[in-house]
Amino acid sequence: MDPGQFDRRVTVRQRPGEGRSRGAYADAFTVWACYRPESAREAVQGGRAQTVESGTLVVRDSARMRTVSSADRVVLGGRDFAIEGVGLPDRRTGLVTLKIATTLGGQ
């Protein structure tokens, strides 16, 4: 992947502690990423329809990125995205792919 495509600053937010299942999210680290929007769809959540945006986030593999899981979140362009899936690091390219989604207008 062309290094020029890593044009977005993304902040990874994680919960503190070993199990990371409780507590408020806090900024853990920031990386350069490439974001590709995939779709905007309507989903019913809590009995009302909301527009959901999903996409793919590609980042460089690192020791810190290997700590990221679907329990974490990312902030992209001032919007909070849930991580729906984390791909295995690609040893050939040195990249990690994340599937992310958010409700449009923030969460």
C-alpha atoms as a PDB file:
ATOM      1  CA  MET A   1       0.000   0.000   0.000  1.00  0.00           C
ATOM      2  CA  ASP A   2       1.266   3.447  -0.901  1.00  0.00           C
ATOM      3  CA  PRO A   3       2.439   5.294   2.262  1.00  0.00           C
ATOM      4  CA  GLY A   4       0.616   8.396   1.012  1.00  0.00           C
ATOM      5  CA  GLN A   5      -2.707   6.624   1.564  1.00  0.00           C
ATOM      6  CA  PHE A   6      -2.159   6.711   5.333  1.00  0.00           C
ATOM      7  CA  ASP A   7      -3.665  10.174   5.521  1.00  0.00           C
ATOM      8  CA  ARG A   8      -5.850   9.995   8.638  1.00  0.00           C
ATOM      9  CA  ARG A   9      -4.872  10.299  12.293  1.00  0.00           C
ATOM     10  CA  VAL A  10      -6.782   7.749  14.348  1.00  0.00           C
ATOM     11  CA  THR A  11      -6.848   7.563  18.134  1.00  0.00           C
ATOM     12  CA  VAL A  12      -7.337   4.130  19.662  1.00  0.00           C
ATOM     13  CA  ARG A  13      -9.352   4.230  22.894  1.00  0.00           C
ATOM     14  CA  GLN A  14      -9.164   1.408  25.408  1.00  0.00           C
ATOM     15  CA  ARG A  15     -10.549   0.754  28.846  1.00  0.00           C
ATOM     16  CA  PRO A  16      -7.961   0.598  31.627  1.00  0.00           C
ATOM     17  CA  GLY A  17      -7.137  -2.587  33.482  1.00  0.00           C
ATOM     18  CA  GLU A  18      -6.259  -6.144  32.637  1.00  0.00           C
ATOM     19  CA  GLY A  19      -9.687  -7.425  31.545  1.00  0.00           C
ATOM     20  CA  ARG A  20     -10.585  -4.053  29.991  1.00  0.00           C
ATOM     21  CA  SER A  21     -14.283  -4.799  30.360  1.00  0.00           C
ATOM     22  CA  ARG A  22     -15.207  -1.979  32.734  1.00  0.00           C
ATOM     23  CA  GLY A  23     -14.576   1.691  33.134  1.00  0.00           C
ATOM     24  CA  ALA A  24     -14.509   4.635  30.788  1.00  0.00           C
ATOM     25  CA  TYR A  25     -12.574   4.596  27.535  1.00  0.00           C
ATOM     26  CA  ALA A  26      -9.325   6.558  27.532  1.00  0.00           C
ATOM     27  CA  ASP A  27      -7.001   7.525  24.687  1.00  0.00           C
ATOM     28  CA  ALA A  28      -4.328   4.807  24.408  1.00  0.00           C
ATOM     29  CA  PHE A  29      -2.332   5.830  21.308  1.00  0.00           C
ATOM     30  CA  THR A  30      -2.600   7.531  17.920  1.00  0.00           C
ATOM     31  CA  VAL A  31      -1.591   6.091  14.535  1.00  0.00           C
ATOM     32  CA  TRP A  32      -1.748   6.997  10.846  1.00  0.00           C
ATOM     33  CA  ALA A  33      -4.395   5.047   8.961  1.00  0.00           C
ATOM     34  CA  CYS A  34      -6.175   4.621   5.655  1.00  0.00           C
ATOM     35  CA  TYR A  35      -9.988   4.709   5.902  1.00  0.00           C
ATOM     36  CA  ARG A  36     -12.279   3.311   3.216  1.00  0.00           C
ATOM     37  CA  PRO A  37     -16.005   3.820   3.796  1.00  0.00           C
ATOM     38  CA  GLU A  38     -18.025   0.791   2.747  1.00  0.00           C
ATOM     39  CA  SER A  39     -21.656   1.577   3.363  1.00  0.00           C
ATOM     40  CA  ALA A  40     -24.238   3.655   5.113  1.00  0.00           C
ATOM     41  CA  ARG A  41     -27.323   1.702   6.081  1.00  0.00           C
ATOM     42  CA  GLU A  42     -30.295   1.995   8.366  1.00  0.00           C
ATOM     43  CA  ALA A  43     -30.478  -0.238  11.408  1.00  0.00           C
ATOM     44  CA  VAL A  44     -33.063  -0.510  14.138  1.00  0.00           C
ATOM     45  CA  GLN A  45     -31.548   0.138  17.525  1.00  0.00           C
ATOM     46  CA  GLY A  46     -33.617   0.629  20.645  1.00  0.00           C
ATOM     47  CA  GLY A  47     -36.840   0.623  18.637  1.00  0.00           C
ATOM     48  CA  ARG A  48     -35.858   3.458  16.290  1.00  0.00           C
ATOM     49  CA  ALA A  49     -34.114   3.573  12.956  1.00  0.00           C
ATOM     50  CA  GLN A  50     -30.585   4.980  12.866  1.00  0.00           C
ATOM     51  CA  THR A  51     -28.182   5.428   9.994  1.00  0.00           C
ATOM     52  CA  VAL A  52     -25.015   3.400  10.498  1.00  0.00           C
ATOM     53  CA  GLU A  53     -21.760   4.030   8.619  1.00  0.00           C
ATOM     54  CA  SER A  54     -19.256   1.205   8.320  1.00  0.00           C
ATOM     55  CA  GLY A  55     -15.848   0.944   6.748  1.00  0.00           C
ATOM     56  CA  THR A  56     -12.392  -0.548   6.746  1.00  0.00           C
ATOM     57  CA  LEU A  57      -9.442   0.956   8.558  1.00  0.00           C
ATOM     58  CA  VAL A  58      -5.925  -0.135   7.537  1.00  0.00           C
ATOM     59  CA  VAL A  59      -2.992   0.585   9.876  1.00  0.00           C
ATOM     60  CA  ARG A  60       0.610  -0.521  10.146  1.00  0.00           C
ATOM     61  CA  ASP A  61       1.294  -3.514  12.381  1.00  0.00           C
ATOM     62  CA  SER A  62       3.008  -2.761  15.694  1.00  0.00           C
ATOM     63  CA  ALA A  63       3.197  -4.130  19.227  1.00  0.00           C
ATOM     64  CA  ARG A  64       0.539  -1.620  20.278  1.00  0.00           C
ATOM     65  CA  MET A  65      -1.805  -2.539  17.419  1.00  0.00           C
ATOM     66  CA  ARG A  66      -1.622  -6.172  18.503  1.00  0.00           C
ATOM     67  CA  THR A  67      -3.320  -5.175  21.775  1.00  0.00           C
ATOM     68  CA  VAL A  68      -6.403  -3.843  19.948  1.00  0.00           C
ATOM     69  CA  SER A  69      -9.591  -5.928  20.120  1.00  0.00           C
ATOM     70  CA  SER A  70     -13.272  -5.538  19.360  1.00  0.00           C
ATOM     71  CA  ALA A  71     -13.720  -4.296  22.944  1.00  0.00           C
ATOM     72  CA  ASP A  72     -11.888  -1.081  21.990  1.00  0.00           C
ATOM     73  CA  ARG A  73     -12.935   1.974  20.001  1.00  0.00           C
ATOM     74  CA  VAL A  74     -11.311   4.360  17.524  1.00  0.00           C
ATOM     75  CA  VAL A  75     -11.810   8.085  17.009  1.00  0.00           C
ATOM     76  CA  LEU A  76     -11.690   9.108  13.356  1.00  0.00           C
ATOM     77  CA  GLY A  77     -12.458  12.645  12.248  1.00  0.00           C
ATOM     78  CA  GLY A  78     -13.867  13.485  15.664  1.00  0.00           C
ATOM     79  CA  ARG A  79     -16.341  10.587  15.548  1.00  0.00           C
ATOM     80  CA  ASP A  80     -16.331   7.537  17.784  1.00  0.00           C
ATOM     81  CA  PHE A  81     -16.316   4.186  15.943  1.00  0.00           C
ATOM     82  CA  ALA A  82     -16.846   0.733  17.406  1.00  0.00           C
ATOM     83  CA  ILE A  83     -14.396  -1.930  16.273  1.00  0.00           C
ATOM     84  CA  GLU A  84     -16.410  -4.798  14.836  1.00  0.00           C
ATOM     85  CA  GLY A  85     -13.456  -6.964  13.860  1.00  0.00           C
ATOM     86  CA  VAL A  86      -9.665  -7.044  13.856  1.00  0.00           C
ATOM     87  CA  GLY A  87      -7.832  -8.956  11.158  1.00  0.00           C
ATOM     88  CA  LEU A  88      -4.606 -10.823  11.746  1.00  0.00           C
ATOM     89  CA  PRO A  89      -1.441  -8.880  10.927  1.00  0.00           C
ATOM     90  CA  ASP A  90      -0.337  -9.516   7.341  1.00  0.00           C
ATOM     91  CA  ARG A  91       3.293 -10.597   7.559  1.00  0.00           C
ATOM     92  CA  ARG A  92       3.920  -9.782   3.910  1.00  0.00           C
ATOM     93  CA  THR A  93       2.638  -6.201   3.948  1.00  0.00           C
ATOM     94  CA  GLY A  94       2.955  -5.379   7.657  1.00  0.00           C
ATOM     95  CA  LEU A  95      -0.629  -4.105   7.792  1.00  0.00           C
ATOM     96  CA  VAL A  96      -3.633  -4.761  10.024  1.00  0.00           C
ATOM     97  CA  THR A  97      -7.241  -4.325   8.849  1.00  0.00           C
ATOM     98  CA  LEU A  98     -10.041  -3.296  11.199  1.00  0.00           C
ATOM     99  CA  LYS A  99     -13.787  -3.270  10.467  1.00  0.00           C
ATOM    100  CA  ILE A 100     -15.378  -0.250  12.139  1.00  0.00           C
ATOM    101  CA  ALA A 101     -18.892   1.228  12.387  1.00  0.00           C
ATOM    102  CA  THR A 102     -20.680   4.203  13.933  1.00  0.00           C
ATOM    103  CA  THR A 103     -24.069   5.850  13.883  1.00  0.00           C
ATOM    104  CA  LEU A 104     -23.985   8.957  11.692  1.00  0.00           C
ATOM    105  CA  GLY A 105     -24.040  12.153  13.666  1.00  0.00           C
ATOM    106  CA  GLY A 106     -21.979  10.652  16.497  1.00  0.00           C
ATOM    107  CA  GLN A 107     -22.793   8.261  19.273  1.00  0.00           C
END
